[in-house]
Structures are given as structure tokens and as C-alpha cells.
PDB file of N, CA and C in Angstrom:
ATOM      1  N   UNK A   1       0.790  -1.122  -0.153  1.00  0.00           N
ATOM      2  CA  UNK A   1      -0.043  -0.040   0.013  1.00  0.00           C
ATOM      3  C   UNK A   1       0.866   1.199  -0.049  1.00  0.00           C
ATOM      4  N   UNK A   2       0.689   2.201  -0.855  1.00  0.00           N
ATOM      5  CA  UNK A   2       1.370   3.388  -0.899  1.00  0.00           C
ATOM      6  C   UNK A   2       1.163   4.276   0.308  1.00  0.00           C
ATOM      7  N   UNK A   3       2.052   5.190   0.491  1.00  0.00           N
ATOM      8  CA  UNK A   3       1.978   6.256   1.577  1.00  0.00           C
ATOM      9  C   UNK A   3       0.812   7.039   1.421  1.00  0.00           C
ATOM     10  N   UNK A   4       0.302   7.446   0.359  1.00  0.00           N
ATOM     11  CA  UNK A   4      -0.790   8.337   0.048  1.00  0.00           C
ATOM     12  C   UNK A   4      -2.145   7.448   0.540  1.00  0.00           C
ATOM     13  N   UNK A   5      -2.053   6.361   0.164  1.00  0.00           N
ATOM     14  CA  UNK A   5      -3.306   5.371   0.695  1.00  0.00           C
ATOM     15  C   UNK A   5      -3.247   5.275   2.143  1.00  0.00           C
ATOM     16  N   UNK A   6      -2.074   5.192   2.711  1.00  0.00           N
ATOM     17  CA  UNK A   6      -1.929   5.190   4.237  1.00  0.00           C
ATOM     18  C   UNK A   6      -2.425   6.459   4.804  1.00  0.00           C
ATOM     19  N   UNK A   7      -1.991   7.508   4.125  1.00  0.00           N
ATOM     20  CA  UNK A   7      -2.337   8.821   4.759  1.00  0.00           C
ATOM     21  C   UNK A   7      -3.994   9.018   4.602  1.00  0.00           C
ATOM     22  N   UNK A   8      -4.513   8.453   3.421  1.00  0.00           N
ATOM     23  CA  UNK A   8      -6.023   8.608   3.234  1.00  0.00           C
ATOM     24  C   UNK A   8      -6.739   7.688   4.348  1.00  0.00           C
ATOM     25  N   UNK A   9      -6.179   6.597   4.558  1.00  0.00           N
ATOM     26  CA  UNK A   9      -6.788   5.730   5.563  1.00  0.00           C
ATOM     27  C   UNK A   9      -6.778   6.439   6.949  1.00  0.00           C
ATOM     28  N   UNK A  10      -5.642   7.113   7.356  1.00  0.00           N
ATOM     29  CA  UNK A  10      -5.533   7.808   8.682  1.00  0.00           C
ATOM     30  C   UNK A  10      -6.606   8.946   8.792  1.00  0.00           C
ATOM     31  N   UNK A  11      -6.618   9.618   7.473  1.00  0.00           N
ATOM     32  CA  UNK A  11      -7.653  10.814   7.470  1.00  0.00           C
ATOM     33  C   UNK A  11      -9.100  10.296   7.617  1.00  0.00           C
ATOM     34  N   UNK A  12      -9.432   9.117   6.967  1.00  0.00           N
ATOM     35  CA  UNK A  12     -10.676   8.416   7.106  1.00  0.00           C
ATOM     36  C   UNK A  12     -11.004   8.090   8.578  1.00  0.00           C
ATOM     37  N   UNK A  13      -9.945   7.654   9.287  1.00  0.00           N
ATOM     38  CA  UNK A  13     -10.163   7.201  10.686  1.00  0.00           C
ATOM     39  C   UNK A  13     -10.429   8.405  11.597  1.00  0.00           C
ATOM     40  N   UNK A  14      -9.739   9.599  11.182  1.00  0.00           N
ATOM     41  CA  UNK A  14      -9.982  10.760  11.966  1.00  0.00           C
ATOM     42  C   UNK A  14     -11.387  11.269  11.718  1.00  0.00           C
ATOM     43  N   UNK A  15     -11.782  11.316  10.409  1.00  0.00           N
ATOM     44  CA  UNK A  15     -13.054  11.844  10.027  1.00  0.00           C
ATOM     45  C   UNK A  15     -14.152  11.035  10.513  1.00  0.00           C
ATOM     46  N   UNK A  16     -13.967   9.841  10.657  1.00  0.00           N
ATOM     47  CA  UNK A  16     -15.054   8.843  11.135  1.00  0.00           C
ATOM     48  C   UNK A  16     -15.315   8.989  12.516  1.00  0.00           C
ATOM     49  N   UNK A  17     -14.387   9.613  13.353  1.00  0.00           N
ATOM     50  CA  UNK A  17     -14.377   9.583  14.807  1.00  0.00           C
ATOM     51  C   UNK A  17     -13.785   8.524  15.567  1.00  0.00           C
ATOM     52  N   UNK A  18     -12.962   7.647  14.786  1.00  0.00           N
ATOM     53  CA  UNK A  18     -12.293   6.537  15.397  1.00  0.00           C
ATOM     54  C   UNK A  18     -11.258   6.845  16.325  1.00  0.00           C
ATOM     55  N   UNK A  19     -10.666   8.080  16.236  1.00  0.00           N
ATOM     56  CA  UNK A  19      -9.512   8.476  16.896  1.00  0.00           C
ATOM     57  C   UNK A  19     -10.052   9.268  18.190  1.00  0.00           C
ATOM     58  N   UNK A  20     -11.260   9.573  18.324  1.00  0.00           N
ATOM     59  CA  UNK A  20     -11.805  10.185  19.591  1.00  0.00           C
ATOM     60  C   UNK A  20     -11.536  11.593  19.661  1.00  0.00           C
ATOM     61  N   UNK A  21     -10.934  12.242  18.526  1.00  0.00           N
ATOM     62  CA  UNK A  21     -10.597  13.617  18.505  1.00  0.00           C
ATOM     63  C   UNK A  21     -11.859  14.454  18.091  1.00  0.00           C
ATOM     64  N   UNK A  22     -12.764  13.770  17.469  1.00  0.00           N
ATOM     65  CA  UNK A  22     -13.854  14.755  16.845  1.00  0.00           C
ATOM     66  C   UNK A  22     -15.119  13.905  16.753  1.00  0.00           C
ATOM     67  N   UNK A  23     -16.218  14.568  16.321  1.00  0.00           N
ATOM     68  CA  UNK A  23     -17.369  13.633  16.000  1.00  0.00           C
ATOM     69  C   UNK A  23     -17.313  13.104  14.616  1.00  0.00           C
ATOM     70  N   UNK A  24     -17.911  12.036  14.423  1.00  0.00           N
ATOM     71  CA  UNK A  24     -17.979  11.546  12.980  1.00  0.00           C
ATOM     72  C   UNK A  24     -18.466  12.569  11.953  1.00  0.00           C
ATOM     73  N   UNK A  25     -17.683  13.292  11.151  1.00  0.00           N
ATOM     74  CA  UNK A  25     -18.274  14.116  10.218  1.00  0.00           C
ATOM     75  C   UNK A  25     -16.952  14.321   9.192  1.00  0.00           C
ATOM     76  N   UNK A  26     -17.362  14.564   8.004  1.00  0.00           N
ATOM     77  CA  UNK A  26     -16.348  15.022   6.861  1.00  0.00           C
ATOM     78  C   UNK A  26     -15.694  16.269   7.390  1.00  0.00           C
ATOM     79  N   UNK A  27     -14.446  16.515   7.263  1.00  0.00           N
ATOM     80  CA  UNK A  27     -13.685  17.704   7.669  1.00  0.00           C
ATOM     81  C   UNK A  27     -13.047  18.189   6.493  1.00  0.00           C
ATOM     82  N   UNK A  28     -13.588  19.192   5.646  1.00  0.00           N
ATOM     83  CA  UNK A  28     -12.859  19.618   4.467  1.00  0.00           C
ATOM     84  C   UNK A  28     -11.595  20.310   4.824  1.00  0.00           C
ATOM     85  N   UNK A  29     -10.676  19.971   4.030  1.00  0.00           N
ATOM     86  CA  UNK A  29      -9.163  20.487   4.302  1.00  0.00           C
ATOM     87  C   UNK A  29      -8.721  21.303   3.050  1.00  0.00           C
ATOM     88  N   UNK A  30      -7.764  22.090   3.354  1.00  0.00           N
ATOM     89  CA  UNK A  30      -7.198  22.748   2.143  1.00  0.00           C
ATOM     90  C   UNK A  30      -6.215  21.752   1.507  1.00  0.00           C
ATOM     91  N   UNK A  31      -5.443  20.979   2.237  1.00  0.00           N
ATOM     92  CA  UNK A  31      -4.590  20.006   1.751  1.00  0.00           C
ATOM     93  C   UNK A  31      -4.652  18.794   2.579  1.00  0.00           C
ATOM     94  N   UNK A  32      -5.111  17.630   2.002  1.00  0.00           N
ATOM     95  CA  UNK A  32      -5.119  16.329   2.708  1.00  0.00           C
ATOM     96  C   UNK A  32      -3.880  16.006   3.323  1.00  0.00           C
ATOM     97  N   UNK A  33      -3.961  14.949   4.362  1.00  0.00           N
ATOM     98  CA  UNK A  33      -2.703  14.558   5.088  1.00  0.00           C
ATOM     99  C   UNK A  33      -1.795  14.012   3.988  1.00  0.00           C
ATOM    100  N   UNK A  34      -0.464  14.327   4.154  1.00  0.00           N
ATOM    101  CA  UNK A  34       0.653  13.910   3.217  1.00  0.00           C
ATOM    102  C   UNK A  34       0.911  14.815   2.156  1.00  0.00           C
ATOM    103  N   UNK A  35       0.024  15.684   1.742  1.00  0.00           N
ATOM    104  CA  UNK A  35       0.236  16.687   0.684  1.00  0.00           C
ATOM    105  C   UNK A  35       1.409  17.378   0.622  1.00  0.00           C
ATOM    106  N   UNK A  36       1.781  17.965   1.822  1.00  0.00           N
ATOM    107  CA  UNK A  36       2.900  18.867   1.858  1.00  0.00           C
ATOM    108  C   UNK A  36       4.173  18.029   1.781  1.00  0.00           C
ATOM    109  N   UNK A  37       4.288  16.851   2.332  1.00  0.00           N
ATOM    110  CA  UNK A  37       5.394  15.987   2.114  1.00  0.00           C
ATOM    111  C   UNK A  37       5.601  15.599   0.797  1.00  0.00           C
ATOM    112  N   UNK A  38       4.520  15.288   0.085  1.00  0.00           N
ATOM    113  CA  UNK A  38       4.568  14.658  -1.352  1.00  0.00           C
ATOM    114  C   UNK A  38       5.024  16.022  -2.165  1.00  0.00           C
ATOM    115  N   UNK A  39       4.644  17.149  -1.829  1.00  0.00           N
ATOM    116  CA  UNK A  39       4.993  18.310  -2.717  1.00  0.00           C
ATOM    117  C   UNK A  39       6.425  18.797  -2.484  1.00  0.00           C
ATOM    118  N   UNK A  40       7.053  18.340  -1.353  1.00  0.00           N
ATOM    119  CA  UNK A  40       8.398  18.601  -1.047  1.00  0.00           C
ATOM    120  C   UNK A  40       9.204  17.593  -1.548  1.00  0.00           C
ATOM    121  N   UNK A  41       8.657  16.472  -2.208  1.00  0.00           N
ATOM    122  CA  UNK A  41       9.520  15.291  -2.844  1.00  0.00           C
ATOM    123  C   UNK A  41       9.796  14.256  -1.826  1.00  0.00           C
ATOM    124  N   UNK A  42       9.192  14.262  -0.681  1.00  0.00           N
ATOM    125  CA  UNK A  42       9.548  13.236   0.392  1.00  0.00           C
ATOM    126  C   UNK A  42       8.272  12.764   0.974  1.00  0.00           C
ATOM    127  N   UNK A  43       7.650  11.803   0.337  1.00  0.00           N
ATOM    128  CA  UNK A  43       6.434  11.174   0.781  1.00  0.00           C
ATOM    129  C   UNK A  43       6.690  10.575   2.009  1.00  0.00           C
ATOM    130  N   UNK A  44       5.658  10.778   3.038  1.00  0.00           N
ATOM    131  CA  UNK A  44       5.805   9.994   4.272  1.00  0.00           C
ATOM    132  C   UNK A  44       6.008   8.563   4.266  1.00  0.00           C
ATOM    133  N   UNK A  45       6.799   8.057   5.033  1.00  0.00           N
ATOM    134  CA  UNK A  45       7.201   6.594   5.012  1.00  0.00           C
ATOM    135  C   UNK A  45       6.011   5.841   5.484  1.00  0.00           C
ATOM    136  N   UNK A  46       5.704   4.813   4.997  1.00  0.00           N
ATOM    137  CA  UNK A  46       4.600   3.976   5.636  1.00  0.00           C
ATOM    138  C   UNK A  46       4.618   3.578   7.043  1.00  0.00           C
ATOM    139  N   UNK A  47       5.853   3.471   7.477  1.00  0.00           N
ATOM    140  CA  UNK A  47       6.193   3.228   9.078  1.00  0.00           C
ATOM    141  C   UNK A  47       5.684   4.487   9.740  1.00  0.00           C
ATOM    142  N   UNK A  48       5.910   5.516   9.306  1.00  0.00           N
ATOM    143  CA  UNK A  48       5.701   6.825  10.053  1.00  0.00           C
ATOM    144  C   UNK A  48       4.074   7.059  10.153  1.00  0.00           C
ATOM    145  N   UNK A  49       3.431   6.801   9.044  1.00  0.00           N
ATOM    146  CA  UNK A  49       1.978   6.957   8.983  1.00  0.00           C
ATOM    147  C   UNK A  49       1.308   5.729   9.899  1.00  0.00           C
ATOM    148  N   UNK A  50       1.948   4.505   9.866  1.00  0.00           N
ATOM    149  CA  UNK A  50       1.506   3.523  10.746  1.00  0.00           C
ATOM    150  C   UNK A  50       1.622   3.903  12.269  1.00  0.00           C
ATOM    151  N   UNK A  51       2.783   4.463  12.575  1.00  0.00           N
ATOM    152  CA  UNK A  51       3.017   4.990  13.924  1.00  0.00           C
ATOM    153  C   UNK A  51       2.058   6.031  14.321  1.00  0.00           C
ATOM    154  N   UNK A  52       1.812   6.952  13.507  1.00  0.00           N
ATOM    155  CA  UNK A  52       0.907   8.055  13.704  1.00  0.00           C
ATOM    156  C   UNK A  52      -0.558   7.389  13.895  1.00  0.00           C
ATOM    157  N   UNK A  53      -0.869   6.630  13.133  1.00  0.00           N
ATOM    158  CA  UNK A  53      -2.162   5.911  13.154  1.00  0.00           C
ATOM    159  C   UNK A  53      -2.392   5.166  14.447  1.00  0.00           C
ATOM    160  N   UNK A  54      -1.383   4.433  14.829  1.00  0.00           N
ATOM    161  CA  UNK A  54      -1.431   3.680  16.079  1.00  0.00           C
ATOM    162  C   UNK A  54      -1.571   4.663  17.237  1.00  0.00           C
ATOM    163  N   UNK A  55      -1.030   5.781  17.314  1.00  0.00           N
ATOM    164  CA  UNK A  55      -1.082   6.813  18.376  1.00  0.00           C
ATOM    165  C   UNK A  55      -2.470   7.431  18.284  1.00  0.00           C
ATOM    166  N   UNK A  56      -2.998   7.720  17.107  1.00  0.00           N
ATOM    167  CA  UNK A  56      -4.271   8.388  16.848  1.00  0.00           C
ATOM    168  C   UNK A  56      -5.454   7.426  17.390  1.00  0.00           C
ATOM    169  N   UNK A  57      -5.314   6.052  17.048  1.00  0.00           N
ATOM    170  CA  UNK A  57      -6.388   5.171  17.457  1.00  0.00           C
ATOM    171  C   UNK A  57      -6.089   4.454  18.672  1.00  0.00           C
ATOM    172  N   UNK A  58      -5.204   4.757  19.522  1.00  0.00           N
ATOM    173  CA  UNK A  58      -4.976   4.123  20.839  1.00  0.00           C
ATOM    174  C   UNK A  58      -6.130   4.140  21.792  1.00  0.00           C
ATOM    175  N   UNK A  59      -6.740   5.388  21.644  1.00  0.00           N
ATOM    176  CA  UNK A  59      -7.830   5.657  22.568  1.00  0.00           C
ATOM    177  C   UNK A  59      -9.192   5.576  21.676  1.00  0.00           C
ATOM    178  N   UNK A  60      -9.675   4.424  21.490  1.00  0.00           N
ATOM    179  CA  UNK A  60     -10.838   4.379  20.603  1.00  0.00           C
ATOM    180  C   UNK A  60     -12.168   5.192  21.303  1.00  0.00           C
ATOM    181  N   UNK A  61     -12.828   5.613  20.372  1.00  0.00           N
ATOM    182  CA  UNK A  61     -13.999   6.390  20.876  1.00  0.00           C
ATOM    183  C   UNK A  61     -15.290   5.906  20.479  1.00  0.00           C
ATOM    184  N   UNK A  62     -16.104   5.778  21.376  1.00  0.00           N
ATOM    185  CA  UNK A  62     -17.578   5.195  21.164  1.00  0.00           C
ATOM    186  C   UNK A  62     -18.461   6.389  20.980  1.00  0.00           C
ATOM    187  N   UNK A  63     -19.114   6.455  19.858  1.00  0.00           N
ATOM    188  CA  UNK A  63     -19.822   7.664  19.598  1.00  0.00           C
ATOM    189  C   UNK A  63     -21.143   7.649  20.658  1.00  0.00           C
ATOM    190  N   UNK A  64     -21.467   8.894  21.173  1.00  0.00           N
ATOM    191  CA  UNK A  64     -22.661   8.887  21.862  1.00  0.00           C
ATOM    192  C   UNK A  64     -23.915   9.053  21.168  1.00  0.00           C
ATOM    193  N   UNK A  65     -24.861   8.362  21.565  1.00  0.00           N
ATOM    194  CA  UNK A  65     -26.155   8.502  20.788  1.00  0.00           C
ATOM    195  C   UNK A  65     -26.778   9.987  20.967  1.00  0.00           C
ATOM    196  N   UNK A  66     -27.208  10.429  19.778  1.00  0.00           N
ATOM    197  CA  UNK A  66     -27.857  11.739  19.705  1.00  0.00           C
ATOM    198  C   UNK A  66     -29.251  11.668  20.339  1.00  0.00           C
ATOM    199  N   UNK A  67     -29.520  12.375  21.252  1.00  0.00           N
ATOM    200  CA  UNK A  67     -30.837  12.469  21.939  1.00  0.00           C
ATOM    201  C   UNK A  67     -31.460  13.888  21.855  1.00  0.00           C
ATOM    202  N   UNK A  68     -32.747  13.988  21.537  1.00  0.00           N
ATOM    203  CA  UNK A  68     -33.264  15.371  21.644  1.00  0.00           C
ATOM    204  C   UNK A  68     -32.953  16.112  20.417  1.00  0.00           C
ATOM    205  N   UNK A  69     -33.210  17.521  20.591  1.00  0.00           N
ATOM    206  CA  UNK A  69     -32.856  18.450  19.636  1.00  0.00           C
ATOM    207  C   UNK A  69     -31.619  19.116  19.480  1.00  0.00           C
ATOM    208  N   UNK A  70     -30.911  18.932  20.614  1.00  0.00           N
ATOM    209  CA  UNK A  70     -29.552  19.459  20.592  1.00  0.00           C
ATOM    210  C   UNK A  70     -29.500  21.068  20.360  1.00  0.00           C
ATOM    211  N   UNK A  71     -28.615  21.400  19.511  1.00  0.00           N
ATOM    212  CA  UNK A  71     -28.779  22.885  19.271  1.00  0.00           C
ATOM    213  C   UNK A  71     -29.611  23.300  18.163  1.00  0.00           C
ATOM    214  N   UNK A  72     -30.422  22.353  17.653  1.00  0.00           N
ATOM    215  CA  UNK A  72     -31.359  22.742  16.563  1.00  0.00           C
ATOM    216  C   UNK A  72     -32.497  23.492  17.191  1.00  0.00           C
ATOM    217  N   UNK A  73     -32.755  23.575  18.417  1.00  0.00           N
ATOM    218  CA  UNK A  73     -33.802  24.368  18.955  1.00  0.00           C
ATOM    219  C   UNK A  73     -33.594  25.872  18.551  1.00  0.00           C
ATOM    220  N   UNK A  74     -32.372  26.160  18.448  1.00  0.00           N
ATOM    221  CA  UNK A  74     -32.039  27.657  18.046  1.00  0.00           C
ATOM    222  C   UNK A  74     -32.538  28.072  16.696  1.00  0.00           C
ATOM    223  N   UNK A  75     -32.311  27.170  15.647  1.00  0.00           N
ATOM    224  CA  UNK A  75     -32.774  27.257  14.380  1.00  0.00           C
ATOM    225  C   UNK A  75     -34.254  27.188  14.346  1.00  0.00           C
ATOM    226  N   UNK A  76     -34.818  26.243  14.993  1.00  0.00           N
ATOM    227  CA  UNK A  76     -36.336  26.198  15.046  1.00  0.00           C
ATOM    228  C   UNK A  76     -37.019  27.482  15.577  1.00  0.00           C
ATOM    229  N   UNK A  77     -36.346  27.978  16.669  1.00  0.00           N
ATOM    230  CA  UNK A  77     -36.850  29.320  17.309  1.00  0.00           C
ATOM    231  C   UNK A  77     -36.643  30.323  16.322  1.00  0.00           C
ATOM    232  N   UNK A  78     -35.619  30.471  15.667  1.00  0.00           N
ATOM    233  CA  UNK A  78     -35.468  31.690  14.641  1.00  0.00           C
ATOM    234  C   UNK A  78     -36.398  31.434  13.538  1.00  0.00           C
ATOM    235  N   UNK A  79     -36.627  30.337  12.986  1.00  0.00           N
ATOM    236  CA  UNK A  79     -37.522  30.016  11.827  1.00  0.00           C
ATOM    237  C   UNK A  79     -38.991  30.387  12.312  1.00  0.00           C
ATOM    238  N   UNK A  80     -39.315  29.950  13.589  1.00  0.00           N
ATOM    239  CA  UNK A  80     -40.676  30.371  14.113  1.00  0.00           C
ATOM    240  C   UNK A  80     -40.812  31.723  14.283  1.00  0.00           C
ATOM    241  N   UNK A  81     -39.931  32.378  14.760  1.00  0.00           N
ATOM    242  CA  UNK A  81     -39.928  33.893  14.945  1.00  0.00           C
ATOM    243  C   UNK A  81     -40.205  34.549  13.600  1.00  0.00           C
ATOM    244  N   UNK A  82     -39.316  34.201  12.743  1.00  0.00           N
ATOM    245  CA  UNK A  82     -39.297  34.798  11.343  1.00  0.00           C
ATOM    246  C   UNK A  82     -40.801  34.622  10.762  1.00  0.00           C
ATOM    247  N   UNK A  83     -41.330  33.347  10.930  1.00  0.00           N
ATOM    248  CA  UNK A  83     -42.536  33.024  10.322  1.00  0.00           C
ATOM    249  C   UNK A  83     -43.620  33.924  11.033  1.00  0.00           C
ATOM    250  N   UNK A  84     -43.510  34.135  12.324  1.00  0.00           N
ATOM    251  CA  UNK A  84     -44.512  34.899  13.021  1.00  0.00           C
ATOM    252  C   UNK A  84     -44.495  36.385  12.522  1.00  0.00           C
ATOM    253  N   UNK A  85     -43.230  36.923  12.286  1.00  0.00           N
ATOM    254  CA  UNK A  85     -43.051  38.134  11.817  1.00  0.00           C
ATOM    255  C   UNK A  85     -43.651  38.359  10.473  1.00  0.00           C
ATOM    256  N   UNK A  86     -43.367  37.371   9.501  1.00  0.00           N
ATOM    257  CA  UNK A  86     -43.977  37.533   8.088  1.00  0.00           C
ATOM    258  C   UNK A  86     -45.410  37.356   8.100  1.00  0.00           C
ATOM    259  N   UNK A  87     -45.977  36.563   9.049  1.00  0.00           N
ATOM    260  CA  UNK A  87     -47.450  36.395   9.091  1.00  0.00           C
ATOM    261  C   UNK A  87     -48.079  37.802   9.631  1.00  0.00           C
ATOM    262  N   UNK A  88     -47.574  38.246  10.615  1.00  0.00           N
ATOM    263  CA  UNK A  88     -48.070  39.498  11.243  1.00  0.00           C
ATOM    264  C   UNK A  88     -47.825  40.643  10.173  1.00  0.00           C
ATOM    265  N   UNK A  89     -46.785  40.630   9.407  1.00  0.00           N
ATOM    266  CA  UNK A  89     -46.543  41.710   8.578  1.00  0.00           C
ATOM    267  C   UNK A  89     -47.581  41.550   7.306  1.00  0.00           C
ATOM    268  N   UNK A  90     -47.994  40.311   6.975  1.00  0.00           N
ATOM    269  CA  UNK A  90     -48.819  40.195   5.938  1.00  0.00           C
ATOM    270  C   UNK A  90     -50.250  40.469   6.414  1.00  0.00           C
ATOM    271  N   UNK A  91     -50.601  40.181   7.606  1.00  0.00           N
ATOM    272  CA  UNK A  91     -51.928  40.444   8.186  1.00  0.00           C
ATOM    273  C   UNK A  91     -52.179  41.963   8.456  1.00  0.00           C
ATOM    274  N   UNK A  92     -51.201  42.440   9.192  1.00  0.00           N
ATOM    275  CA  UNK A  92     -51.255  43.772   9.741  1.00  0.00           C
ATOM    276  C   UNK A  92     -50.695  45.022   8.718  1.00  0.00           C
ATOM    277  N   UNK A  93     -50.123  44.556   7.727  1.00  0.00           N
ATOM    278  CA  UNK A  93     -49.433  45.511   6.886  1.00  0.00           C
ATOM    279  C   UNK A  93     -50.458  45.905   5.767  1.00  0.00           C
ATOM    280  N   UNK A  94     -51.478  45.297   5.674  1.00  0.00           N
ATOM    281  CA  UNK A  94     -52.600  45.684   4.681  1.00  0.00           C
ATOM    282  C   UNK A  94     -53.518  46.850   5.132  1.00  0.00           C
ATOM    283  N   UNK A  95     -53.677  47.882   4.442  1.00  0.00           N
ATOM    284  CA  UNK A  95     -54.568  48.920   4.878  1.00  0.00           C
ATOM    285  C   UNK A  95     -55.916  48.698   4.879  1.00  0.00           C
TER     286      UNK A  95
END
């Protein structure tokens, strides 16, 4: 397996939440892991990536189940408020 494939697997582990650093979600980056090394003409050694991967996944993360609305209540409240304003404007704004 090439070093770019190893770097891609490490990034997939981080994005999936397997490293415990973040919630499982895609994380857009300007330059994927290993890009700078490859641009410099020195691809990261597979052993280096394997060592980093082992360190990153040493503390596995179990995702917590999502319960309730979470922070979505803020968006729901804003939409409800705007709907109320538009309805009031439509009803009361007519002469």
C-alpha cells in the first residue's frame, strides 16, 4: 500500500471519529494529509504513518447517541420567529 493510501486511511479514521478527536463528520481541508510531504518530494514513510495511526487510534471513541434536539432548537426558534413576523406583516401590513 502506498503512503498516500495510508495517509488517506488515517484521515478517514480521523473523519469517522475512530480516533476520539472529533465527532464523525467529514472535515474539508485545504490540503489532505501527506500533501505537503509529497509536494516537497519526500512522501511520508509507511512506517511513520502507521506509527501516527497507532497513536491516533490508541484511545478508541464510542460515539454517543444523539438524543433530543440538541442545538437545533435555536434554528427552530429563529424560523418560528421569522414565520410569525412575516405572518404579522402580511396580516397587519394591509390597509
